[in-house]
Every structure is written in C-alpha cells, then in structure tokens.
Amino acid sequence: PKKYEDIVNFRYYMEDGSPNTAYWEAVRDM
C-alpha cells in the first residue's frame, strides 16, 4: 500500500520487449 507521490517510474523495456537502449546507456554513463 505504499505510495511515493514524489517519484515517477523509468521504463526499462519498450512495447515490443526490446531494451530501452538509450536509457540503459544513460545510466551507464551516469
């Protein structure tokens, strides 16, 4: 029942099941 009203979710995979490659690379670069 916990909610985190100040946080939104990142997306790791696209609709077709492929990785959200640009985001993965951005996290690596971070």
PDB file of all heavy atoms in Angstrom:
ATOM      1  N   PRO A   1       0.793  -1.233   0.000  1.00  0.00           N
ATOM      2  CA  PRO A   1       0.000   0.000   0.000  1.00  0.00           C
ATOM      3  C   PRO A   1       0.826   1.285   0.000  1.00  0.00           C
ATOM      4  O   PRO A   1       0.258   2.365   0.047  1.00  0.00           O
ATOM      5  CB  PRO A   1      -0.787  -0.128   1.302  1.00  0.00           C
ATOM      6  CG  PRO A   1       0.143  -0.856   2.208  1.00  0.00           C
ATOM      7  CD  PRO A   1       0.864  -1.852   1.338  1.00  0.00           C
ATOM      8  N   LYS A   2       2.169   1.177  -0.021  1.00  0.00           N
ATOM      9  CA  LYS A   2       2.983   2.391  -0.011  1.00  0.00           C
ATOM     10  C   LYS A   2       2.893   3.103  -1.359  1.00  0.00           C
ATOM     11  O   LYS A   2       2.865   2.464  -2.414  1.00  0.00           O
ATOM     12  CB  LYS A   2       4.451   2.062   0.278  1.00  0.00           C
ATOM     13  CG  LYS A   2       4.760   1.710   1.725  1.00  0.00           C
ATOM     14  CD  LYS A   2       6.261   1.551   1.920  1.00  0.00           C
ATOM     15  CE  LYS A   2       6.626   1.286   3.365  1.00  0.00           C
ATOM     16  NZ  LYS A   2       8.093   1.192   3.568  1.00  0.00           N
ATOM     17  N   LYS A   3       2.882   4.429  -1.305  1.00  0.00           N
ATOM     18  CA  LYS A   3       2.936   5.242  -2.497  1.00  0.00           C
ATOM     19  C   LYS A   3       4.055   6.265  -2.349  1.00  0.00           C
ATOM     20  O   LYS A   3       4.312   6.757  -1.260  1.00  0.00           O
ATOM     21  CB  LYS A   3       1.596   5.950  -2.725  1.00  0.00           C
ATOM     22  CG  LYS A   3       0.446   5.023  -3.093  1.00  0.00           C
ATOM     23  CD  LYS A   3      -0.812   5.817  -3.399  1.00  0.00           C
ATOM     24  CE  LYS A   3      -1.953   4.903  -3.814  1.00  0.00           C
ATOM     25  NZ  LYS A   3      -3.185   5.663  -4.137  1.00  0.00           N
ATOM     26  N   TYR A   4       4.700   6.549  -3.466  1.00  0.00           N
ATOM     27  CA  TYR A   4       5.783   7.528  -3.468  1.00  0.00           C
ATOM     28  C   TYR A   4       5.366   8.651  -4.429  1.00  0.00           C
ATOM     29  O   TYR A   4       5.738   8.660  -5.605  1.00  0.00           O
ATOM     30  CB  TYR A   4       7.089   6.869  -3.900  1.00  0.00           C
ATOM     31  CG  TYR A   4       7.477   5.700  -3.017  1.00  0.00           C
ATOM     32  CD1 TYR A   4       7.103   4.403  -3.360  1.00  0.00           C
ATOM     33  CD2 TYR A   4       8.187   5.890  -1.845  1.00  0.00           C
ATOM     34  CE1 TYR A   4       7.440   3.330  -2.543  1.00  0.00           C
ATOM     35  CE2 TYR A   4       8.530   4.820  -1.029  1.00  0.00           C
ATOM     36  CZ  TYR A   4       8.151   3.545  -1.387  1.00  0.00           C
ATOM     37  OH  TYR A   4       8.484   2.479  -0.580  1.00  0.00           O
ATOM     38  N   GLU A   5       4.584   9.589  -3.892  1.00  0.00           N
ATOM     39  CA  GLU A   5       3.973  10.612  -4.728  1.00  0.00           C
ATOM     40  C   GLU A   5       4.981  11.554  -5.375  1.00  0.00           C
ATOM     41  O   GLU A   5       4.642  12.263  -6.327  1.00  0.00           O
ATOM     42  CB  GLU A   5       2.972  11.432  -3.903  1.00  0.00           C
ATOM     43  CG  GLU A   5       1.780  10.647  -3.395  1.00  0.00           C
ATOM     44  CD  GLU A   5       2.058   9.934  -2.061  1.00  0.00           C
ATOM     45  OE1 GLU A   5       3.224   9.984  -1.589  1.00  0.00           O
ATOM     46  OE2 GLU A   5       1.115   9.351  -1.509  1.00  0.00           O
ATOM     47  N   ASP A   6       6.205  11.561  -4.850  1.00  0.00           N
ATOM     48  CA  ASP A   6       7.210  12.484  -5.386  1.00  0.00           C
ATOM     49  C   ASP A   6       8.168  11.798  -6.362  1.00  0.00           C
ATOM     50  O   ASP A   6       9.173  12.389  -6.757  1.00  0.00           O
ATOM     51  CB  ASP A   6       7.992  13.135  -4.246  1.00  0.00           C
ATOM     52  CG  ASP A   6       8.617  12.114  -3.290  1.00  0.00           C
ATOM     53  OD1 ASP A   6       8.232  10.927  -3.344  1.00  0.00           O
ATOM     54  OD2 ASP A   6       9.486  12.514  -2.491  1.00  0.00           O
ATOM     55  N   ILE A   7       7.867  10.555  -6.786  1.00  0.00           N
ATOM     56  CA  ILE A   7       8.770   9.792  -7.640  1.00  0.00           C
ATOM     57  C   ILE A   7       7.971   9.154  -8.778  1.00  0.00           C
ATOM     58  O   ILE A   7       6.889   8.601  -8.568  1.00  0.00           O
ATOM     59  CB  ILE A   7       9.490   8.680  -6.842  1.00  0.00           C
ATOM     60  CG1 ILE A   7      10.388   9.287  -5.764  1.00  0.00           C
ATOM     61  CG2 ILE A   7      10.330   7.804  -7.771  1.00  0.00           C
ATOM     62  CD1 ILE A   7      10.959   8.261  -4.813  1.00  0.00           C
ATOM     63  N   VAL A   8       8.534   9.199  -9.985  1.00  0.00           N
ATOM     64  CA  VAL A   8       7.923   8.534 -11.141  1.00  0.00           C
ATOM     65  C   VAL A   8       8.854   7.424 -11.633  1.00  0.00           C
ATOM     66  O   VAL A   8      10.041   7.384 -11.287  1.00  0.00           O
ATOM     67  CB  VAL A   8       7.626   9.533 -12.276  1.00  0.00           C
ATOM     68  CG1 VAL A   8       6.631  10.581 -11.800  1.00  0.00           C
ATOM     69  CG2 VAL A   8       8.907  10.207 -12.770  1.00  0.00           C
ATOM     70  N   ASN A   9       8.287   6.537 -12.459  1.00  0.00           N
ATOM     71  CA  ASN A   9       8.997   5.322 -12.853  1.00  0.00           C
ATOM     72  C   ASN A   9       9.710   5.455 -14.192  1.00  0.00           C
ATOM     73  O   ASN A   9       9.132   5.943 -15.172  1.00  0.00           O
ATOM     74  CB  ASN A   9       8.007   4.153 -12.962  1.00  0.00           C
ATOM     75  CG  ASN A   9       7.539   3.664 -11.612  1.00  0.00           C
ATOM     76  OD1 ASN A   9       8.254   3.744 -10.630  1.00  0.00           O
ATOM     77  ND2 ASN A   9       6.316   3.146 -11.572  1.00  0.00           N
ATOM     78  N   PHE A  10      10.940   4.952 -14.240  1.00  0.00           N
ATOM     79  CA  PHE A  10      11.650   4.816 -15.508  1.00  0.00           C
ATOM     80  C   PHE A  10      11.135   3.580 -16.249  1.00  0.00           C
ATOM     81  O   PHE A  10      10.577   2.659 -15.658  1.00  0.00           O
ATOM     82  CB  PHE A  10      13.155   4.666 -15.272  1.00  0.00           C
ATOM     83  CG  PHE A  10      13.843   5.951 -14.907  1.00  0.00           C
ATOM     84  CD1 PHE A  10      14.370   6.138 -13.639  1.00  0.00           C
ATOM     85  CD2 PHE A  10      13.974   6.972 -15.830  1.00  0.00           C
ATOM     86  CE1 PHE A  10      15.016   7.314 -13.293  1.00  0.00           C
ATOM     87  CE2 PHE A  10      14.614   8.149 -15.493  1.00  0.00           C
ATOM     88  CZ  PHE A  10      15.137   8.321 -14.231  1.00  0.00           C
ATOM     89  N   ARG A  11      11.386   3.576 -17.539  1.00  0.00           N
ATOM     90  CA  ARG A  11      10.954   2.474 -18.392  1.00  0.00           C
ATOM     91  C   ARG A  11      12.190   1.733 -18.896  1.00  0.00           C
ATOM     92  O   ARG A  11      13.066   2.332 -19.527  1.00  0.00           O
ATOM     93  CB  ARG A  11      10.149   3.023 -19.572  1.00  0.00           C
ATOM     94  CG  ARG A  11       9.554   1.958 -20.461  1.00  0.00           C
ATOM     95  CD  ARG A  11       8.761   2.625 -21.580  1.00  0.00           C
ATOM     96  NE  ARG A  11       7.945   1.649 -22.292  1.00  0.00           N
ATOM     97  CZ  ARG A  11       7.126   1.964 -23.275  1.00  0.00           C
ATOM     98  NH1 ARG A  11       7.012   3.230 -23.661  1.00  0.00           N
ATOM     99  NH2 ARG A  11       6.412   1.033 -23.877  1.00  0.00           N
ATOM    100  N   TYR A  12      12.243   0.424 -18.660  1.00  0.00           N
ATOM    101  CA  TYR A  12      13.435  -0.361 -18.986  1.00  0.00           C
ATOM    102  C   TYR A  12      13.288  -1.142 -20.291  1.00  0.00           C
ATOM    103  O   TYR A  12      14.290  -1.481 -20.923  1.00  0.00           O
ATOM    104  CB  TYR A  12      13.764  -1.299 -17.827  1.00  0.00           C
ATOM    105  CG  TYR A  12      14.226  -0.524 -16.616  1.00  0.00           C
ATOM    106  CD1 TYR A  12      13.314   0.036 -15.729  1.00  0.00           C
ATOM    107  CD2 TYR A  12      15.575  -0.283 -16.403  1.00  0.00           C
ATOM    108  CE1 TYR A  12      13.729   0.788 -14.646  1.00  0.00           C
ATOM    109  CE2 TYR A  12      16.012   0.471 -15.324  1.00  0.00           C
ATOM    110  CZ  TYR A  12      15.077   1.010 -14.446  1.00  0.00           C
ATOM    111  OH  TYR A  12      15.504   1.766 -13.389  1.00  0.00           O
ATOM    112  N   TYR A  13      12.054  -1.446 -20.688  1.00  0.00           N
ATOM    113  CA  TYR A  13      11.807  -2.179 -21.935  1.00  0.00           C
ATOM    114  C   TYR A  13      10.725  -1.458 -22.735  1.00  0.00           C
ATOM    115  O   TYR A  13       9.823  -0.822 -22.177  1.00  0.00           O
ATOM    116  CB  TYR A  13      11.357  -3.613 -21.646  1.00  0.00           C
ATOM    117  CG  TYR A  13      12.490  -4.528 -21.249  1.00  0.00           C
ATOM    118  CD1 TYR A  13      12.941  -4.587 -19.939  1.00  0.00           C
ATOM    119  CD2 TYR A  13      13.130  -5.330 -22.196  1.00  0.00           C
ATOM    120  CE1 TYR A  13      13.987  -5.415 -19.573  1.00  0.00           C
ATOM    121  CE2 TYR A  13      14.175  -6.171 -21.845  1.00  0.00           C
ATOM    122  CZ  TYR A  13      14.600  -6.205 -20.529  1.00  0.00           C
ATOM    123  OH  TYR A  13      15.636  -7.030 -20.176  1.00  0.00           O
ATOM    124  N   MET A  14      10.791  -1.600 -24.049  1.00  0.00           N
ATOM    125  CA  MET A  14       9.803  -0.994 -24.933  1.00  0.00           C
ATOM    126  C   MET A  14       8.622  -1.952 -25.125  1.00  0.00           C
ATOM    127  O   MET A  14       8.638  -3.096 -24.660  1.00  0.00           O
ATOM    128  CB  MET A  14      10.449  -0.649 -26.280  1.00  0.00           C
ATOM    129  CG  MET A  14      11.730   0.170 -26.160  1.00  0.00           C
ATOM    130  SD  MET A  14      11.539   1.709 -25.211  1.00  0.00           S
ATOM    131  CE  MET A  14      10.618   2.694 -26.377  1.00  0.00           C
ATOM    132  N   GLU A  15       7.606  -1.477 -25.841  1.00  0.00           N
ATOM    133  CA  GLU A  15       6.391  -2.262 -26.033  1.00  0.00           C
ATOM    134  C   GLU A  15       6.681  -3.601 -26.707  1.00  0.00           C
ATOM    135  O   GLU A  15       6.025  -4.608 -26.440  1.00  0.00           O
ATOM    136  CB  GLU A  15       5.379  -1.475 -26.872  1.00  0.00           C
ATOM    137  CG  GLU A  15       4.727  -0.310 -26.142  1.00  0.00           C
ATOM    138  CD  GLU A  15       3.807  -0.765 -25.015  1.00  0.00           C
ATOM    139  OE1 GLU A  15       3.384  -1.925 -25.033  1.00  0.00           O
ATOM    140  OE2 GLU A  15       3.535   0.054 -24.111  1.00  0.00           O
ATOM    141  N   ASP A  16       7.660  -3.630 -27.604  1.00  0.00           N
ATOM    142  CA  ASP A  16       7.958  -4.866 -28.334  1.00  0.00           C
ATOM    143  C   ASP A  16       8.889  -5.801 -27.567  1.00  0.00           C
ATOM    144  O   ASP A  16       9.316  -6.830 -28.089  1.00  0.00           O
ATOM    145  CB  ASP A  16       8.564  -4.542 -29.697  1.00  0.00           C
ATOM    146  CG  ASP A  16       9.904  -3.801 -29.593  1.00  0.00           C
ATOM    147  OD1 ASP A  16      10.357  -3.527 -28.460  1.00  0.00           O
ATOM    148  OD2 ASP A  16      10.491  -3.487 -30.641  1.00  0.00           O
ATOM    149  N   GLY A  17       9.215  -5.438 -26.313  1.00  0.00           N
ATOM    150  CA  GLY A  17      10.071  -6.291 -25.495  1.00  0.00           C
ATOM    151  C   GLY A  17      11.551  -6.024 -25.638  1.00  0.00           C
ATOM    152  O   GLY A  17      12.363  -6.675 -24.972  1.00  0.00           O
ATOM    153  N   SER A  18      11.917  -5.091 -26.491  1.00  0.00           N
ATOM    154  CA  SER A  18      13.336  -4.762 -26.655  1.00  0.00           C
ATOM    155  C   SER A  18      13.778  -3.816 -25.544  1.00  0.00           C
ATOM    156  O   SER A  18      12.964  -3.078 -24.973  1.00  0.00           O
ATOM    157  CB  SER A  18      13.565  -4.103 -28.016  1.00  0.00           C
ATOM    158  OG  SER A  18      12.841  -2.889 -28.100  1.00  0.00           O
ATOM    159  N   PRO A  19      15.077  -3.813 -25.215  1.00  0.00           N
ATOM    160  CA  PRO A  19      15.551  -2.920 -24.147  1.00  0.00           C
ATOM    161  C   PRO A  19      15.445  -1.463 -24.559  1.00  0.00           C
ATOM    162  O   PRO A  19      15.582  -1.123 -25.746  1.00  0.00           O
ATOM    163  CB  PRO A  19      17.016  -3.341 -23.954  1.00  0.00           C
ATOM    164  CG  PRO A  19      17.406  -3.963 -25.251  1.00  0.00           C
ATOM    165  CD  PRO A  19      16.167  -4.637 -25.778  1.00  0.00           C
ATOM    166  N   ASN A  20      15.186  -0.618 -23.585  1.00  0.00           N
ATOM    167  CA  ASN A  20      15.175   0.831 -23.798  1.00  0.00           C
ATOM    168  C   ASN A  20      16.637   1.290 -23.823  1.00  0.00           C
ATOM    169  O   ASN A  20      17.163   1.864 -22.871  1.00  0.00           O
ATOM    170  CB  ASN A  20      14.394   1.514 -22.677  1.00  0.00           C
ATOM    171  CG  ASN A  20      14.002   2.935 -23.010  1.00  0.00           C
ATOM    172  OD1 ASN A  20      14.520   3.524 -23.960  1.00  0.00           O
ATOM    173  ND2 ASN A  20      13.093   3.493 -22.232  1.00  0.00           N
ATOM    174  N   THR A  21      17.276   1.014 -24.947  1.00  0.00           N
ATOM    175  CA  THR A  21      18.739   1.069 -25.047  1.00  0.00           C
ATOM    176  C   THR A  21      19.313   2.425 -24.658  1.00  0.00           C
ATOM    177  O   THR A  21      20.307   2.509 -23.917  1.00  0.00           O
ATOM    178  CB  THR A  21      19.176   0.702 -26.471  1.00  0.00           C
ATOM    179  OG1 THR A  21      18.651  -0.584 -26.808  1.00  0.00           O
ATOM    180  CG2 THR A  21      20.688   0.672 -26.579  1.00  0.00           C
ATOM    181  N   ALA A  22      18.734   3.489 -25.138  1.00  0.00           N
ATOM    182  CA  ALA A  22      19.288   4.817 -24.854  1.00  0.00           C
ATOM    183  C   ALA A  22      19.254   5.117 -23.361  1.00  0.00           C
ATOM    184  O   ALA A  22      20.185   5.733 -22.821  1.00  0.00           O
ATOM    185  CB  ALA A  22      18.517   5.878 -25.634  1.00  0.00           C
ATOM    186  N   TYR A  23      18.194   4.678 -22.686  1.00  0.00           N
ATOM    187  CA  TYR A  23      18.133   4.885 -21.235  1.00  0.00           C
ATOM    188  C   TYR A  23      19.190   4.049 -20.529  1.00  0.00           C
ATOM    189  O   TYR A  23      19.870   4.536 -19.615  1.00  0.00           O
ATOM    190  CB  TYR A  23      16.737   4.543 -20.713  1.00  0.00           C
ATOM    191  CG  TYR A  23      16.678   4.466 -19.201  1.00  0.00           C
ATOM    192  CD1 TYR A  23      16.878   5.603 -18.427  1.00  0.00           C
ATOM    193  CD2 TYR A  23      16.462   3.243 -18.554  1.00  0.00           C
ATOM    194  CE1 TYR A  23      16.859   5.530 -17.041  1.00  0.00           C
ATOM    195  CE2 TYR A  23      16.428   3.172 -17.173  1.00  0.00           C
ATOM    196  CZ  TYR A  23      16.631   4.304 -16.426  1.00  0.00           C
ATOM    197  OH  TYR A  23      16.624   4.231 -15.058  1.00  0.00           O
ATOM    198  N   TRP A  24      19.328   2.775 -20.914  1.00  0.00           N
ATOM    199  CA  TRP A  24      20.363   1.930 -20.308  1.00  0.00           C
ATOM    200  C   TRP A  24      21.728   2.601 -20.437  1.00  0.00           C
ATOM    201  O   TRP A  24      22.517   2.640 -19.478  1.00  0.00           O
ATOM    202  CB  TRP A  24      20.402   0.559 -20.986  1.00  0.00           C
ATOM    203  CG  TRP A  24      19.242  -0.338 -20.698  1.00  0.00           C
ATOM    204  CD1 TRP A  24      17.969   0.033 -20.387  1.00  0.00           C
ATOM    205  CD2 TRP A  24      19.251  -1.773 -20.695  1.00  0.00           C
ATOM    206  NE1 TRP A  24      17.174  -1.077 -20.205  1.00  0.00           N
ATOM    207  CE2 TRP A  24      17.932  -2.195 -20.384  1.00  0.00           C
ATOM    208  CE3 TRP A  24      20.215  -2.724 -20.940  1.00  0.00           C
ATOM    209  CZ2 TRP A  24      17.579  -3.546 -20.310  1.00  0.00           C
ATOM    210  CZ3 TRP A  24      19.876  -4.076 -20.870  1.00  0.00           C
ATOM    211  CH2 TRP A  24      18.569  -4.470 -20.548  1.00  0.00           C
ATOM    212  N   GLU A  25      22.014   3.120 -21.626  1.00  0.00           N
ATOM    213  CA  GLU A  25      23.312   3.756 -21.855  1.00  0.00           C
ATOM    214  C   GLU A  25      23.471   5.013 -21.016  1.00  0.00           C
ATOM    215  O   GLU A  25      24.577   5.317 -20.536  1.00  0.00           O
ATOM    216  CB  GLU A  25      23.471   4.067 -23.342  1.00  0.00           C
ATOM    217  CG  GLU A  25      23.610   2.816 -24.196  1.00  0.00           C
ATOM    218  CD  GLU A  25      23.610   3.122 -25.687  1.00  0.00           C
ATOM    219  OE1 GLU A  25      23.201   4.257 -26.060  1.00  0.00           O
ATOM    220  OE2 GLU A  25      23.997   2.241 -26.476  1.00  0.00           O
ATOM    221  N   ALA A  26      22.379   5.744 -20.805  1.00  0.00           N
ATOM    222  CA  ALA A  26      22.446   6.950 -19.978  1.00  0.00           C
ATOM    223  C   ALA A  26      22.773   6.610 -18.529  1.00  0.00           C
ATOM    224  O   ALA A  26      23.544   7.328 -17.869  1.00  0.00           O
ATOM    225  CB  ALA A  26      21.119   7.710 -20.056  1.00  0.00           C
ATOM    226  N   VAL A  27      22.213   5.510 -18.023  1.00  0.00           N
ATOM    227  CA  VAL A  27      22.522   5.085 -16.657  1.00  0.00           C
ATOM    228  C   VAL A  27      23.985   4.660 -16.560  1.00  0.00           C
ATOM    229  O   VAL A  27      24.699   5.020 -15.608  1.00  0.00           O
ATOM    230  CB  VAL A  27      21.585   3.952 -16.210  1.00  0.00           C
ATOM    231  CG1 VAL A  27      22.021   3.409 -14.854  1.00  0.00           C
ATOM    232  CG2 VAL A  27      20.144   4.456 -16.140  1.00  0.00           C
ATOM    233  N   ARG A  28      24.438   3.894 -17.538  1.00  0.00           N
ATOM    234  CA  ARG A  28      25.865   3.530 -17.545  1.00  0.00           C
ATOM    235  C   ARG A  28      26.743   4.773 -17.528  1.00  0.00           C
ATOM    236  O   ARG A  28      27.700   4.865 -16.742  1.00  0.00           O
ATOM    237  CB  ARG A  28      26.164   2.696 -18.790  1.00  0.00           C
ATOM    238  CG  ARG A  28      27.661   2.401 -18.993  1.00  0.00           C
ATOM    239  CD  ARG A  28      27.979   2.090 -20.440  1.00  0.00           C
ATOM    240  NE  ARG A  28      27.639   3.196 -21.327  1.00  0.00           N
ATOM    241  CZ  ARG A  28      27.587   3.086 -22.650  1.00  0.00           C
ATOM    242  NH1 ARG A  28      27.830   1.926 -23.242  1.00  0.00           N
ATOM    243  NH2 ARG A  28      27.290   4.148 -23.392  1.00  0.00           N
ATOM    244  N   ASP A  29      26.420   5.729 -18.375  1.00  0.00           N
ATOM    245  CA  ASP A  29      27.241   6.938 -18.462  1.00  0.00           C
ATOM    246  C   ASP A  29      27.186   7.742 -17.173  1.00  0.00           C
ATOM    247  O   ASP A  29      28.153   8.427 -16.818  1.00  0.00           O
ATOM    248  CB  ASP A  29      26.787   7.791 -19.645  1.00  0.00           C
ATOM    249  CG  ASP A  29      27.063   7.113 -20.986  1.00  0.00           C
ATOM    250  OD1 ASP A  29      27.842   6.145 -21.012  1.00  0.00           O
ATOM    251  OD2 ASP A  29      26.470   7.550 -21.993  1.00  0.00           O
ATOM    252  N   MET A  30      26.064   7.664 -16.457  1.00  0.00           N
ATOM    253  CA  MET A  30      25.962   8.340 -15.163  1.00  0.00           C
ATOM    254  C   MET A  30      26.942   7.727 -14.161  1.00  0.00           C
ATOM    255  O   MET A  30      27.662   8.449 -13.458  1.00  0.00           O
ATOM    256  CB  MET A  30      24.531   8.250 -14.650  1.00  0.00           C
ATOM    257  CG  MET A  30      24.305   8.834 -13.269  1.00  0.00           C
ATOM    258  SD  MET A  30      24.445   7.587 -11.960  1.00  0.00           S
ATOM    259  CE  MET A  30      23.064   6.524 -12.368  1.00  0.00           C
TER     260      MET A  30
END
